[in-house]
Amino acid sequence: MREVQATEADWSDLLDEVEKGETVVITREGRPVARIVPESRPARSRAEVLRDIEAFRRRMPRVTQDEISAWRHEGHKR
């Protein structure tokens, strides 16, 4: 979260930041007077989410259960 003095606000830059997910608090004399938050994104359909998961899985390397177990215990004292 970023705080910006009202007299120093560059609205175009602030809106760019909010569009990227940042929350901006506008202050006046050090007191918060407004909050600019990103607009909620519409919910994605189940099919879209599953399609994205499948695409992610195709990009990831295959690993074995033994590799996962080794990573889980990496750094543990024996």
N, C-alpha and C. Protein backbone atom coordinates (compact mmCIF):
# COMPACT_ATOMS: atom_id res chain seq x y z
N MET A 1 0.86 -1.17 0.00
CA MET A 1 0.00 0.00 0.00
C MET A 1 0.90 1.23 0.00
N ARG A 2 0.55 2.19 -0.80
CA ARG A 2 1.33 3.41 -0.94
C ARG A 2 0.51 4.61 -0.46
N GLU A 3 1.16 5.54 0.22
CA GLU A 3 0.50 6.78 0.64
C GLU A 3 1.03 7.93 -0.19
N VAL A 4 0.12 8.81 -0.63
CA VAL A 4 0.49 9.96 -1.45
C VAL A 4 -0.23 11.19 -0.91
N GLN A 5 0.52 12.27 -0.74
CA GLN A 5 -0.05 13.55 -0.33
C GLN A 5 -0.93 14.07 -1.47
N ALA A 6 -2.12 14.55 -1.16
CA ALA A 6 -3.07 14.99 -2.18
C ALA A 6 -2.47 16.03 -3.12
N THR A 7 -1.68 16.93 -2.59
CA THR A 7 -1.11 18.00 -3.42
C THR A 7 -0.01 17.48 -4.35
N GLU A 8 0.50 16.28 -4.10
CA GLU A 8 1.59 15.71 -4.91
C GLU A 8 1.11 14.58 -5.81
N ALA A 9 -0.17 14.33 -5.85
CA ALA A 9 -0.70 13.19 -6.59
C ALA A 9 -0.61 13.41 -8.10
N ASP A 10 0.02 12.47 -8.79
CA ASP A 10 0.02 12.42 -10.25
C ASP A 10 -0.99 11.34 -10.61
N TRP A 11 -2.22 11.77 -10.90
CA TRP A 11 -3.34 10.84 -11.02
C TRP A 11 -3.14 9.78 -12.09
N SER A 12 -2.53 10.13 -13.18
CA SER A 12 -2.31 9.15 -14.24
C SER A 12 -1.40 8.02 -13.75
N ASP A 13 -0.29 8.38 -13.09
CA ASP A 13 0.61 7.36 -12.55
C ASP A 13 -0.05 6.53 -11.46
N LEU A 14 -0.82 7.20 -10.60
CA LEU A 14 -1.51 6.48 -9.53
C LEU A 14 -2.49 5.46 -10.10
N LEU A 15 -3.23 5.86 -11.12
CA LEU A 15 -4.19 4.94 -11.71
C LEU A 15 -3.48 3.76 -12.38
N ASP A 16 -2.31 4.01 -12.97
CA ASP A 16 -1.52 2.91 -13.55
C ASP A 16 -1.15 1.91 -12.46
N GLU A 17 -0.73 2.41 -11.30
CA GLU A 17 -0.36 1.53 -10.19
C GLU A 17 -1.56 0.74 -9.68
N VAL A 18 -2.70 1.40 -9.54
CA VAL A 18 -3.90 0.73 -9.07
C VAL A 18 -4.34 -0.34 -10.06
N GLU A 19 -4.22 -0.02 -11.33
CA GLU A 19 -4.59 -0.99 -12.36
C GLU A 19 -3.73 -2.25 -12.26
N LYS A 20 -2.51 -2.12 -11.77
CA LYS A 20 -1.61 -3.27 -11.60
C LYS A 20 -1.83 -4.00 -10.28
N GLY A 21 -2.78 -3.50 -9.45
CA GLY A 21 -3.11 -4.20 -8.23
C GLY A 21 -2.74 -3.48 -6.95
N GLU A 22 -2.07 -2.34 -7.05
CA GLU A 22 -1.64 -1.58 -5.87
C GLU A 22 -2.81 -0.80 -5.27
N THR A 23 -2.83 -0.69 -3.94
CA THR A 23 -3.79 0.17 -3.24
C THR A 23 -3.06 1.46 -2.89
N VAL A 24 -3.71 2.60 -3.13
CA VAL A 24 -3.09 3.90 -2.86
C VAL A 24 -3.98 4.67 -1.88
N VAL A 25 -3.35 5.20 -0.82
CA VAL A 25 -4.06 6.02 0.16
C VAL A 25 -3.67 7.47 -0.10
N ILE A 26 -4.67 8.32 -0.27
CA ILE A 26 -4.44 9.75 -0.47
C ILE A 26 -4.54 10.42 0.89
N THR A 27 -3.53 11.22 1.22
CA THR A 27 -3.52 11.89 2.52
C THR A 27 -3.58 13.41 2.34
N ARG A 28 -4.06 14.07 3.37
CA ARG A 28 -4.07 15.53 3.43
C ARG A 28 -3.54 15.90 4.81
N GLU A 29 -2.45 16.63 4.82
CA GLU A 29 -1.81 17.01 6.08
C GLU A 29 -1.51 15.79 6.95
N GLY A 30 -1.07 14.70 6.28
CA GLY A 30 -0.69 13.49 6.98
C GLY A 30 -1.83 12.59 7.40
N ARG A 31 -3.07 13.00 7.15
CA ARG A 31 -4.23 12.18 7.52
C ARG A 31 -4.80 11.50 6.29
N PRO A 32 -5.10 10.20 6.36
CA PRO A 32 -5.73 9.52 5.23
C PRO A 32 -7.12 10.10 4.96
N VAL A 33 -7.41 10.43 3.70
CA VAL A 33 -8.73 10.95 3.34
C VAL A 33 -9.42 10.12 2.26
N ALA A 34 -8.65 9.32 1.54
CA ALA A 34 -9.25 8.49 0.48
C ALA A 34 -8.36 7.29 0.21
N ARG A 35 -8.98 6.25 -0.31
CA ARG A 35 -8.26 5.03 -0.67
C ARG A 35 -8.70 4.64 -2.08
N ILE A 36 -7.72 4.42 -2.95
CA ILE A 36 -8.01 3.97 -4.31
C ILE A 36 -7.60 2.50 -4.38
N VAL A 37 -8.55 1.64 -4.70
CA VAL A 37 -8.30 0.20 -4.74
C VAL A 37 -8.61 -0.33 -6.13
N PRO A 38 -7.95 -1.42 -6.53
CA PRO A 38 -8.24 -2.00 -7.84
C PRO A 38 -9.70 -2.46 -7.92
N GLU A 39 -10.26 -2.35 -9.08
CA GLU A 39 -11.61 -2.85 -9.33
C GLU A 39 -11.59 -4.37 -9.24
N SER A 40 -12.62 -4.94 -8.66
CA SER A 40 -12.70 -6.40 -8.58
C SER A 40 -12.78 -6.98 -9.98
N ARG A 41 -12.08 -8.06 -10.14
CA ARG A 41 -12.13 -8.74 -11.44
C ARG A 41 -13.31 -9.70 -11.46
N PRO A 42 -13.97 -9.84 -12.59
CA PRO A 42 -15.08 -10.78 -12.65
C PRO A 42 -14.59 -12.22 -12.45
N ALA A 43 -15.42 -13.00 -11.81
CA ALA A 43 -15.06 -14.40 -11.57
C ALA A 43 -14.87 -15.12 -12.90
N ARG A 44 -13.85 -15.97 -12.92
CA ARG A 44 -13.62 -16.75 -14.14
C ARG A 44 -14.43 -18.03 -14.08
N SER A 45 -14.75 -18.55 -15.23
CA SER A 45 -15.52 -19.79 -15.27
C SER A 45 -14.64 -20.96 -14.87
N ARG A 46 -15.28 -22.02 -14.44
CA ARG A 46 -14.56 -23.23 -14.05
C ARG A 46 -13.73 -23.74 -15.22
N ALA A 47 -14.28 -23.69 -16.41
CA ALA A 47 -13.56 -24.17 -17.60
C ALA A 47 -12.29 -23.35 -17.85
N GLU A 48 -12.35 -22.02 -17.65
CA GLU A 48 -11.16 -21.18 -17.83
C GLU A 48 -10.08 -21.53 -16.82
N VAL A 49 -10.48 -21.74 -15.58
CA VAL A 49 -9.52 -22.07 -14.53
C VAL A 49 -8.87 -23.42 -14.83
N LEU A 50 -9.67 -24.41 -15.19
CA LEU A 50 -9.12 -25.73 -15.50
C LEU A 50 -8.18 -25.68 -16.70
N ARG A 51 -8.52 -24.87 -17.70
CA ARG A 51 -7.67 -24.71 -18.88
C ARG A 51 -6.31 -24.11 -18.47
N ASP A 52 -6.33 -23.12 -17.59
CA ASP A 52 -5.08 -22.50 -17.12
C ASP A 52 -4.24 -23.48 -16.31
N ILE A 53 -4.89 -24.29 -15.48
CA ILE A 53 -4.17 -25.29 -14.68
C ILE A 53 -3.51 -26.30 -15.61
N GLU A 54 -4.23 -26.78 -16.59
CA GLU A 54 -3.66 -27.75 -17.53
C GLU A 54 -2.47 -27.15 -18.29
N ALA A 55 -2.58 -25.91 -18.71
CA ALA A 55 -1.47 -25.25 -19.42
C ALA A 55 -0.26 -25.13 -18.50
N PHE A 56 -0.49 -24.79 -17.24
CA PHE A 56 0.60 -24.70 -16.26
C PHE A 56 1.26 -26.06 -16.08
N ARG A 57 0.47 -27.11 -15.95
CA ARG A 57 1.02 -28.46 -15.76
C ARG A 57 1.86 -28.90 -16.94
N ARG A 58 1.46 -28.52 -18.16
CA ARG A 58 2.24 -28.90 -19.35
C ARG A 58 3.61 -28.21 -19.36
N ARG A 59 3.69 -27.00 -18.78
CA ARG A 59 4.95 -26.27 -18.77
C ARG A 59 5.91 -26.75 -17.68
N MET A 60 5.39 -27.38 -16.65
CA MET A 60 6.22 -27.78 -15.51
C MET A 60 6.90 -29.12 -15.78
N PRO A 61 8.14 -29.27 -15.29
CA PRO A 61 8.81 -30.56 -15.47
C PRO A 61 8.15 -31.64 -14.63
N ARG A 62 8.25 -32.88 -15.09
CA ARG A 62 7.71 -34.02 -14.33
C ARG A 62 8.65 -34.34 -13.18
N VAL A 63 8.10 -34.64 -12.01
CA VAL A 63 8.90 -35.04 -10.86
C VAL A 63 8.30 -36.30 -10.26
N THR A 64 9.15 -37.08 -9.61
CA THR A 64 8.68 -38.32 -8.99
C THR A 64 8.30 -38.06 -7.53
N GLN A 65 7.59 -39.02 -6.96
CA GLN A 65 7.22 -38.94 -5.55
C GLN A 65 8.47 -38.91 -4.68
N ASP A 66 9.50 -39.67 -5.07
CA ASP A 66 10.75 -39.68 -4.31
C ASP A 66 11.41 -38.30 -4.30
N GLU A 67 11.37 -37.60 -5.43
CA GLU A 67 11.94 -36.25 -5.49
C GLU A 67 11.17 -35.29 -4.58
N ILE A 68 9.87 -35.41 -4.60
CA ILE A 68 9.04 -34.55 -3.74
C ILE A 68 9.35 -34.82 -2.28
N SER A 69 9.46 -36.10 -1.90
CA SER A 69 9.78 -36.46 -0.52
C SER A 69 11.16 -35.93 -0.12
N ALA A 70 12.13 -36.02 -1.03
CA ALA A 70 13.47 -35.52 -0.74
C ALA A 70 13.44 -34.01 -0.53
N TRP A 71 12.70 -33.29 -1.34
CA TRP A 71 12.60 -31.83 -1.18
C TRP A 71 11.95 -31.48 0.16
N ARG A 72 10.95 -32.27 0.50
CA ARG A 72 10.21 -32.00 1.75
C ARG A 72 11.12 -32.13 2.96
N HIS A 73 12.04 -33.08 2.89
CA HIS A 73 12.90 -33.34 4.04
C HIS A 73 14.27 -32.69 3.91
N GLU A 74 14.49 -31.95 2.85
CA GLU A 74 15.77 -31.28 2.64
C GLU A 74 16.06 -30.33 3.80
N GLY A 75 17.25 -30.45 4.35
CA GLY A 75 17.64 -29.55 5.44
C GLY A 75 17.31 -30.08 6.83
N HIS A 76 16.54 -31.17 6.90
CA HIS A 76 16.24 -31.75 8.21
C HIS A 76 17.48 -32.46 8.75
N LYS A 77 17.65 -32.40 10.04
CA LYS A 77 18.77 -33.14 10.66
C LYS A 77 18.41 -34.61 10.69
N ARG A 78 19.40 -35.42 10.45
CA ARG A 78 19.17 -36.87 10.48
C ARG A 78 19.91 -37.51 11.61
